[in-house]
Amino acid sequence: MKDFLEYASVVLGPKEVRQFKNAIEFSMGEFHNRVVAPQFFQPAQQFYLGVALDKFVAGKNHLLAQTMLQFPDAWHGLTYFTNPLSIPPPPVIVDGEEKWVAPKDRVVWGQFQVMTYEFDQTDLPFFKRQMAWCRSHDGKPLNCAVGRLYKACSQWIDFEGITVNYSGNKGFHIQIVFTTGHAKALGIAQNVKRHWKLTPYRRPKLTPG
């Protein structure tokens, strides 16, 4: 953590560095135990949550999730977690590279649905702006932009929470989590896989505010 904070202090101000420090030291036990742990790696049910400690994991495969069960203190290093995926068969080697079954072909209906948003904008002022979205000026966590989003989402009975993860690069992954029980009762589970097979896929245009 010390090396990262020293690096961050070169380009960020004291508020942002303190914010990173507080986030690293903050216990995520409640959200982890309620949302992530029940689905993290479940070989008996043949599914897992795709996770990453950096930007790229080939095929969003299950190997890191499996390994991280042995390192319970590594959670703060995650840059994102996905919706549940079925554990894939071993990859095939094509031109010297591993090729995994595509994640869109392995989507399964889990206990929670994660909606992940990020902004592809690389300038430092906007990076700081994203951090400010998560920063309260009076010590009350909900008195910030993400807090207002949390309160807006709380009108829905199946809303479970929000996490904001540093991507390790130019921005953050904003992840909004809902339970799936009510949607499952409506009989729309089959639409989950259909969503990932839409072609062509167009990234939604979000206007940062």
C-alpha atoms as a PDB file:
ATOM      1  CA  MET A   1       0.000   0.000   0.000  1.00  0.00           C
ATOM      2  CA  LYS A   2       2.832   2.404   0.842  1.00  0.00           C
ATOM      3  CA  ASP A   3       4.340   2.226  -2.645  1.00  0.00           C
ATOM      4  CA  PHE A   4       0.968   2.837  -4.285  1.00  0.00           C
ATOM      5  CA  LEU A   5       0.179   5.829  -2.084  1.00  0.00           C
ATOM      6  CA  GLU A   6       3.621   7.306  -2.707  1.00  0.00           C
ATOM      7  CA  TYR A   7       3.032   6.945  -6.453  1.00  0.00           C
ATOM      8  CA  ALA A   8      -0.451   8.445  -6.166  1.00  0.00           C
ATOM      9  CA  SER A   9       0.865  11.429  -4.227  1.00  0.00           C
ATOM     10  CA  VAL A  10       3.015  12.407  -7.219  1.00  0.00           C
ATOM     11  CA  VAL A  11      -0.005  13.126  -9.449  1.00  0.00           C
ATOM     12  CA  LEU A  12      -2.933  13.494  -7.040  1.00  0.00           C
ATOM     13  CA  GLY A  13      -3.732  15.943  -4.292  1.00  0.00           C
ATOM     14  CA  PRO A  14      -3.867  15.174  -0.557  1.00  0.00           C
ATOM     15  CA  LYS A  15      -7.648  14.670  -0.633  1.00  0.00           C
ATOM     16  CA  GLU A  16      -7.415  11.964  -3.282  1.00  0.00           C
ATOM     17  CA  VAL A  17      -4.464  10.233  -1.614  1.00  0.00           C
ATOM     18  CA  ARG A  18      -6.294  10.220   1.719  1.00  0.00           C
ATOM     19  CA  GLN A  19      -9.371   8.851  -0.038  1.00  0.00           C
ATOM     20  CA  PHE A  20      -7.377   5.956  -1.514  1.00  0.00           C
ATOM     21  CA  LYS A  21      -5.797   5.258   1.880  1.00  0.00           C
ATOM     22  CA  ASN A  22      -9.171   5.194   3.636  1.00  0.00           C
ATOM     23  CA  ALA A  23     -10.646   2.929   0.949  1.00  0.00           C
ATOM     24  CA  ILE A  24      -7.762   0.456   1.238  1.00  0.00           C
ATOM     25  CA  GLU A  25      -8.050   0.321   5.015  1.00  0.00           C
ATOM     26  CA  PHE A  26     -11.862   0.150   5.071  1.00  0.00           C
ATOM     27  CA  SER A  27     -13.317  -3.253   5.839  1.00  0.00           C
ATOM     28  CA  MET A  28     -15.549  -4.570   3.051  1.00  0.00           C
ATOM     29  CA  GLY A  29     -16.662  -7.537   5.130  1.00  0.00           C
ATOM     30  CA  GLU A  30     -20.402  -6.828   5.191  1.00  0.00           C
ATOM     31  CA  PHE A  31     -20.837  -6.340   1.428  1.00  0.00           C
ATOM     32  CA  HIS A  32     -18.415  -9.147   0.651  1.00  0.00           C
ATOM     33  CA  ASN A  33     -20.155 -11.626   2.937  1.00  0.00           C
ATOM     34  CA  ARG A  34     -23.623 -10.692   1.677  1.00  0.00           C
ATOM     35  CA  VAL A  35     -23.047 -10.352  -2.075  1.00  0.00           C
ATOM     36  CA  VAL A  36     -19.667 -11.632  -3.249  1.00  0.00           C
ATOM     37  CA  ALA A  37     -18.788 -14.612  -1.054  1.00  0.00           C
ATOM     38  CA  PRO A  38     -21.949 -16.695  -1.689  1.00  0.00           C
ATOM     39  CA  GLN A  39     -21.155 -16.799  -5.404  1.00  0.00           C
ATOM     40  CA  PHE A  40     -17.417 -16.201  -5.557  1.00  0.00           C
ATOM     41  CA  PHE A  41     -16.222 -19.687  -6.495  1.00  0.00           C
ATOM     42  CA  GLN A  42     -18.690 -22.560  -6.304  1.00  0.00           C
ATOM     43  CA  PRO A  43     -17.250 -25.670  -8.007  1.00  0.00           C
ATOM     44  CA  ALA A  44     -20.095 -27.884  -6.780  1.00  0.00           C
ATOM     45  CA  GLN A  45     -22.565 -25.682  -8.653  1.00  0.00           C
ATOM     46  CA  GLN A  46     -20.070 -25.112 -11.491  1.00  0.00           C
ATOM     47  CA  PHE A  47     -20.099 -21.309 -11.410  1.00  0.00           C
ATOM     48  CA  TYR A  48     -18.002 -18.381 -10.155  1.00  0.00           C
ATOM     49  CA  LEU A  49     -17.640 -14.611 -10.350  1.00  0.00           C
ATOM     50  CA  GLY A  50     -15.039 -13.381 -12.811  1.00  0.00           C
ATOM     51  CA  VAL A  51     -12.537 -11.135 -11.037  1.00  0.00           C
ATOM     52  CA  ALA A  52      -9.372  -9.276 -11.931  1.00  0.00           C
ATOM     53  CA  LEU A  53      -6.411  -7.746 -10.142  1.00  0.00           C
ATOM     54  CA  ASP A  54      -5.465  -5.894 -13.305  1.00  0.00           C
ATOM     55  CA  LYS A  55      -7.100  -4.916 -16.562  1.00  0.00           C
ATOM     56  CA  PHE A  56      -7.007  -8.234 -18.418  1.00  0.00           C
ATOM     57  CA  VAL A  57      -7.908 -11.824 -17.566  1.00  0.00           C
ATOM     58  CA  ALA A  58      -8.048 -14.178 -20.551  1.00  0.00           C
ATOM     59  CA  GLY A  59     -11.657 -15.180 -21.164  1.00  0.00           C
ATOM     60  CA  LYS A  60     -12.537 -13.887 -17.689  1.00  0.00           C
ATOM     61  CA  ASN A  61     -11.609 -17.391 -16.591  1.00  0.00           C
ATOM     62  CA  HIS A  62     -12.061 -18.847 -13.102  1.00  0.00           C
ATOM     63  CA  LEU A  63      -8.424 -19.444 -12.143  1.00  0.00           C
ATOM     64  CA  LEU A  64      -7.895 -16.196 -10.225  1.00  0.00           C
ATOM     65  CA  ALA A  65     -11.149 -16.645  -8.304  1.00  0.00           C
ATOM     66  CA  GLN A  66     -10.059 -20.159  -7.376  1.00  0.00           C
ATOM     67  CA  THR A  67      -6.636 -18.956  -6.248  1.00  0.00           C
ATOM     68  CA  MET A  68      -7.984 -16.031  -4.242  1.00  0.00           C
ATOM     69  CA  LEU A  69      -9.833 -18.361  -1.902  1.00  0.00           C
ATOM     70  CA  GLN A  70      -6.413 -18.892  -0.325  1.00  0.00           C
ATOM     71  CA  PHE A  71      -5.784 -15.147   0.106  1.00  0.00           C
ATOM     72  CA  PRO A  72      -8.701 -13.592   2.007  1.00  0.00           C
ATOM     73  CA  ASP A  73      -6.863 -10.267   2.422  1.00  0.00           C
ATOM     74  CA  ALA A  74      -6.472  -9.698  -1.318  1.00  0.00           C
ATOM     75  CA  TRP A  75      -9.988  -8.380  -1.937  1.00  0.00           C
ATOM     76  CA  HIS A  76      -8.936  -4.734  -1.982  1.00  0.00           C
ATOM     77  CA  GLY A  77      -6.862  -5.431  -5.069  1.00  0.00           C
ATOM     78  CA  LEU A  78      -9.862  -6.366  -7.214  1.00  0.00           C
ATOM     79  CA  THR A  79     -10.654  -4.027 -10.091  1.00  0.00           C
ATOM     80  CA  TYR A  80     -14.078  -5.565 -10.741  1.00  0.00           C
ATOM     81  CA  PHE A  81     -16.250  -8.648 -10.295  1.00  0.00           C
ATOM     82  CA  THR A  82     -18.634  -9.987 -12.923  1.00  0.00           C
ATOM     83  CA  ASN A  83     -22.023 -11.613 -12.929  1.00  0.00           C
ATOM     84  CA  PRO A  84     -21.940 -15.388 -12.348  1.00  0.00           C
ATOM     85  CA  LEU A  85     -20.340 -17.452 -15.105  1.00  0.00           C
ATOM     86  CA  SER A  86     -20.188 -21.212 -15.551  1.00  0.00           C
ATOM     87  CA  ILE A  87     -16.745 -22.716 -14.994  1.00  0.00           C
ATOM     88  CA  PRO A  88     -15.279 -23.227 -18.479  1.00  0.00           C
ATOM     89  CA  PRO A  89     -13.490 -26.276 -19.850  1.00  0.00           C
ATOM     90  CA  PRO A  90      -9.699 -25.986 -20.270  1.00  0.00           C
ATOM     91  CA  PRO A  91      -8.684 -23.555 -22.997  1.00  0.00           C
ATOM     92  CA  VAL A  92      -7.522 -24.620 -26.433  1.00  0.00           C
ATOM     93  CA  ILE A  93      -4.237 -23.316 -27.798  1.00  0.00           C
ATOM     94  CA  VAL A  94      -4.523 -21.336 -31.023  1.00  0.00           C
ATOM     95  CA  ASP A  95      -1.334 -19.842 -32.507  1.00  0.00           C
ATOM     96  CA  GLY A  96       0.365 -20.207 -29.148  1.00  0.00           C
ATOM     97  CA  GLU A  97      -2.391 -18.422 -27.217  1.00  0.00           C
ATOM     98  CA  GLU A  98      -5.036 -19.733 -24.844  1.00  0.00           C
ATOM     99  CA  LYS A  99      -8.592 -19.457 -26.156  1.00  0.00           C
ATOM    100  CA  TRP A 100     -11.370 -19.820 -23.585  1.00  0.00           C
ATOM    101  CA  VAL A 101     -15.066 -20.267 -24.204  1.00  0.00           C
ATOM    102  CA  ALA A 102     -16.372 -16.683 -24.393  1.00  0.00           C
ATOM    103  CA  PRO A 103     -17.967 -15.300 -21.199  1.00  0.00           C
ATOM    104  CA  LYS A 104     -21.148 -14.369 -23.114  1.00  0.00           C
ATOM    105  CA  ASP A 105     -21.664 -18.097 -23.756  1.00  0.00           C
ATOM    106  CA  ARG A 106     -21.257 -18.951 -20.063  1.00  0.00           C
ATOM    107  CA  VAL A 107     -23.645 -16.515 -18.363  1.00  0.00           C
ATOM    108  CA  VAL A 108     -25.723 -18.160 -15.633  1.00  0.00           C
ATOM    109  CA  TRP A 109     -28.567 -16.905 -13.444  1.00  0.00           C
ATOM    110  CA  GLY A 110     -27.169 -16.198  -9.994  1.00  0.00           C
ATOM    111  CA  GLN A 111     -28.378 -14.628  -6.782  1.00  0.00           C
ATOM    112  CA  PHE A 112     -27.367 -11.139  -7.858  1.00  0.00           C
ATOM    113  CA  GLN A 113     -27.126  -9.128 -11.075  1.00  0.00           C
ATOM    114  CA  VAL A 114     -24.238  -6.674 -11.422  1.00  0.00           C
ATOM    115  CA  MET A 115     -24.440  -3.675 -13.725  1.00  0.00           C
ATOM    116  CA  THR A 116     -20.999  -2.181 -14.343  1.00  0.00           C
ATOM    117  CA  TYR A 117     -20.379   1.303 -15.708  1.00  0.00           C
ATOM    118  CA  GLU A 118     -17.159   3.090 -16.580  1.00  0.00           C
ATOM    119  CA  PHE A 119     -16.159   6.229 -18.462  1.00  0.00           C
ATOM    120  CA  ASP A 120     -13.510   6.019 -21.194  1.00  0.00           C
ATOM    121  CA  GLN A 121     -11.976   9.390 -20.483  1.00  0.00           C
ATOM    122  CA  THR A 122      -8.261   9.633 -19.770  1.00  0.00           C
ATOM    123  CA  ASP A 123      -7.520  13.125 -18.467  1.00  0.00           C
ATOM    124  CA  LEU A 124      -6.421  13.661 -14.868  1.00  0.00           C
ATOM    125  CA  PRO A 125      -9.061  16.297 -13.992  1.00  0.00           C
ATOM    126  CA  PHE A 126     -11.839  13.841 -14.845  1.00  0.00           C
ATOM    127  CA  PHE A 127     -10.082  11.112 -12.827  1.00  0.00           C
ATOM    128  CA  LYS A 128     -10.174  13.441  -9.818  1.00  0.00           C
ATOM    129  CA  ARG A 129     -13.785  14.272 -10.595  1.00  0.00           C
ATOM    130  CA  GLN A 130     -14.724  10.598 -10.400  1.00  0.00           C
ATOM    131  CA  MET A 131     -13.037  10.371  -7.008  1.00  0.00           C
ATOM    132  CA  ALA A 132     -15.024  13.406  -5.881  1.00  0.00           C
ATOM    133  CA  TRP A 133     -18.242  11.565  -6.764  1.00  0.00           C
ATOM    134  CA  CYS A 134     -17.414   9.193  -3.875  1.00  0.00           C
ATOM    135  CA  ARG A 135     -16.269  11.838  -1.408  1.00  0.00           C
ATOM    136  CA  SER A 136     -18.531  13.407   1.183  1.00  0.00           C
ATOM    137  CA  HIS A 137     -17.689  16.837   2.534  1.00  0.00           C
ATOM    138  CA  ASP A 138     -19.435  16.355   5.871  1.00  0.00           C
ATOM    139  CA  GLY A 139     -18.436  12.813   6.809  1.00  0.00           C
ATOM    140  CA  LYS A 140     -21.819  11.333   5.904  1.00  0.00           C
ATOM    141  CA  PRO A 141     -21.223   8.661   3.232  1.00  0.00           C
ATOM    142  CA  LEU A 142     -24.466   9.269   1.338  1.00  0.00           C
ATOM    143  CA  ASN A 143     -23.836  12.991   0.916  1.00  0.00           C
ATOM    144  CA  CYS A 144     -21.971  12.662  -2.375  1.00  0.00           C
ATOM    145  CA  ALA A 145     -22.829  11.882  -5.992  1.00  0.00           C
ATOM    146  CA  VAL A 146     -22.595   8.107  -5.544  1.00  0.00           C
ATOM    147  CA  GLY A 147     -24.602   8.461  -2.349  1.00  0.00           C
ATOM    148  CA  ARG A 148     -27.366  10.209  -4.295  1.00  0.00           C
ATOM    149  CA  LEU A 149     -27.271   7.354  -6.812  1.00  0.00           C
ATOM    150  CA  TYR A 150     -27.530   4.893  -3.913  1.00  0.00           C
ATOM    151  CA  LYS A 151     -30.583   6.690  -2.522  1.00  0.00           C
ATOM    152  CA  ALA A 152     -32.193   6.793  -5.974  1.00  0.00           C
ATOM    153  CA  CYS A 153     -31.662   3.054  -6.470  1.00  0.00           C
ATOM    154  CA  SER A 154     -33.047   2.321  -3.000  1.00  0.00           C
ATOM    155  CA  GLN A 155     -36.560   2.867  -4.303  1.00  0.00           C
ATOM    156  CA  TRP A 156     -36.363  -0.637  -5.822  1.00  0.00           C
ATOM    157  CA  ILE A 157     -36.929  -3.569  -3.498  1.00  0.00           C
ATOM    158  CA  ASP A 158     -34.253  -5.698  -5.180  1.00  0.00           C
ATOM    159  CA  PHE A 159     -31.437  -3.135  -4.851  1.00  0.00           C
ATOM    160  CA  GLU A 160     -28.480  -4.515  -2.862  1.00  0.00           C
ATOM    161  CA  GLY A 161     -25.748  -1.890  -3.008  1.00  0.00           C
ATOM    162  CA  ILE A 162     -23.035  -0.111  -4.964  1.00  0.00           C
ATOM    163  CA  THR A 163     -19.282  -0.546  -5.128  1.00  0.00           C
ATOM    164  CA  VAL A 164     -16.784   1.691  -6.904  1.00  0.00           C
ATOM    165  CA  ASN A 165     -13.513  -0.067  -7.773  1.00  0.00           C
ATOM    166  CA  TYR A 166     -10.365   1.573  -9.079  1.00  0.00           C
ATOM    167  CA  SER A 167      -9.646  -0.038 -12.441  1.00  0.00           C
ATOM    168  CA  GLY A 168      -5.882   0.220 -11.994  1.00  0.00           C
ATOM    169  CA  ASN A 169      -5.672   2.483 -15.016  1.00  0.00           C
ATOM    170  CA  LYS A 170      -7.623   5.601 -16.017  1.00  0.00           C
ATOM    171  CA  GLY A 171     -10.806   5.387 -14.023  1.00  0.00           C
ATOM    172  CA  PHE A 172     -13.254   3.400 -11.947  1.00  0.00           C
ATOM    173  CA  HIS A 173     -15.788   0.599 -12.285  1.00  0.00           C
ATOM    174  CA  ILE A 174     -19.131   1.637 -10.796  1.00  0.00           C
ATOM    175  CA  GLN A 175     -21.012  -1.563  -9.971  1.00  0.00           C
ATOM    176  CA  ILE A 176     -24.705  -1.477  -9.057  1.00  0.00           C
ATOM    177  CA  VAL A 177     -26.015  -4.746  -7.611  1.00  0.00           C
ATOM    178  CA  PHE A 178     -29.567  -6.109  -7.547  1.00  0.00           C
ATOM    179  CA  THR A 179     -30.975  -9.393  -6.266  1.00  0.00           C
ATOM    180  CA  THR A 180     -32.524 -11.635  -8.899  1.00  0.00           C
ATOM    181  CA  GLY A 181     -35.333 -13.252  -6.916  1.00  0.00           C
ATOM    182  CA  HIS A 182     -38.066 -10.863  -8.032  1.00  0.00           C
ATOM    183  CA  ALA A 183     -36.933 -10.908 -11.679  1.00  0.00           C
ATOM    184  CA  LYS A 184     -36.792 -14.694 -11.589  1.00  0.00           C
ATOM    185  CA  ALA A 185     -40.364 -14.781 -10.291  1.00  0.00           C
ATOM    186  CA  LEU A 186     -41.394 -12.772 -13.359  1.00  0.00           C
ATOM    187  CA  GLY A 187     -39.918 -15.452 -15.618  1.00  0.00           C
ATOM    188  CA  ILE A 188     -37.277 -13.328 -17.337  1.00  0.00           C
ATOM    189  CA  ALA A 189     -34.216 -15.423 -16.476  1.00  0.00           C
ATOM    190  CA  GLN A 190     -33.856 -16.487 -20.108  1.00  0.00           C
ATOM    191  CA  ASN A 191     -33.273 -12.854 -21.083  1.00  0.00           C
ATOM    192  CA  VAL A 192     -29.918 -12.782 -19.285  1.00  0.00           C
ATOM    193  CA  LYS A 193     -28.121 -14.863 -21.932  1.00  0.00           C
ATOM    194  CA  ARG A 194     -30.091 -13.191 -24.710  1.00  0.00           C
ATOM    195  CA  HIS A 195     -28.759  -9.807 -23.581  1.00  0.00           C
ATOM    196  CA  TRP A 196     -25.162 -10.901 -24.186  1.00  0.00           C
ATOM    197  CA  LYS A 197     -25.960 -12.234 -27.647  1.00  0.00           C
ATOM    198  CA  LEU A 198     -27.338  -8.961 -28.999  1.00  0.00           C
ATOM    199  CA  THR A 199     -25.490  -7.920 -32.150  1.00  0.00           C
ATOM    200  CA  PRO A 200     -24.055  -5.514 -32.827  1.00  0.00           C
ATOM    201  CA  TYR A 201     -23.293  -4.469 -29.262  1.00  0.00           C
ATOM    202  CA  ARG A 202     -23.266  -0.717 -28.715  1.00  0.00           C
ATOM    203  CA  ARG A 203     -21.742   0.741 -25.585  1.00  0.00           C
ATOM    204  CA  PRO A 204     -24.316   2.981 -23.902  1.00  0.00           C
ATOM    205  CA  LYS A 205     -23.498   6.660 -23.959  1.00  0.00           C
ATOM    206  CA  LEU A 206     -23.372   8.020 -20.446  1.00  0.00           C
ATOM    207  CA  THR A 207     -22.932  11.702 -19.723  1.00  0.00           C
ATOM    208  CA  PRO A 208     -20.787  12.232 -16.623  1.00  0.00           C
ATOM    209  CA  GLY A 209     -22.345  14.623 -14.185  1.00  0.00           C
END
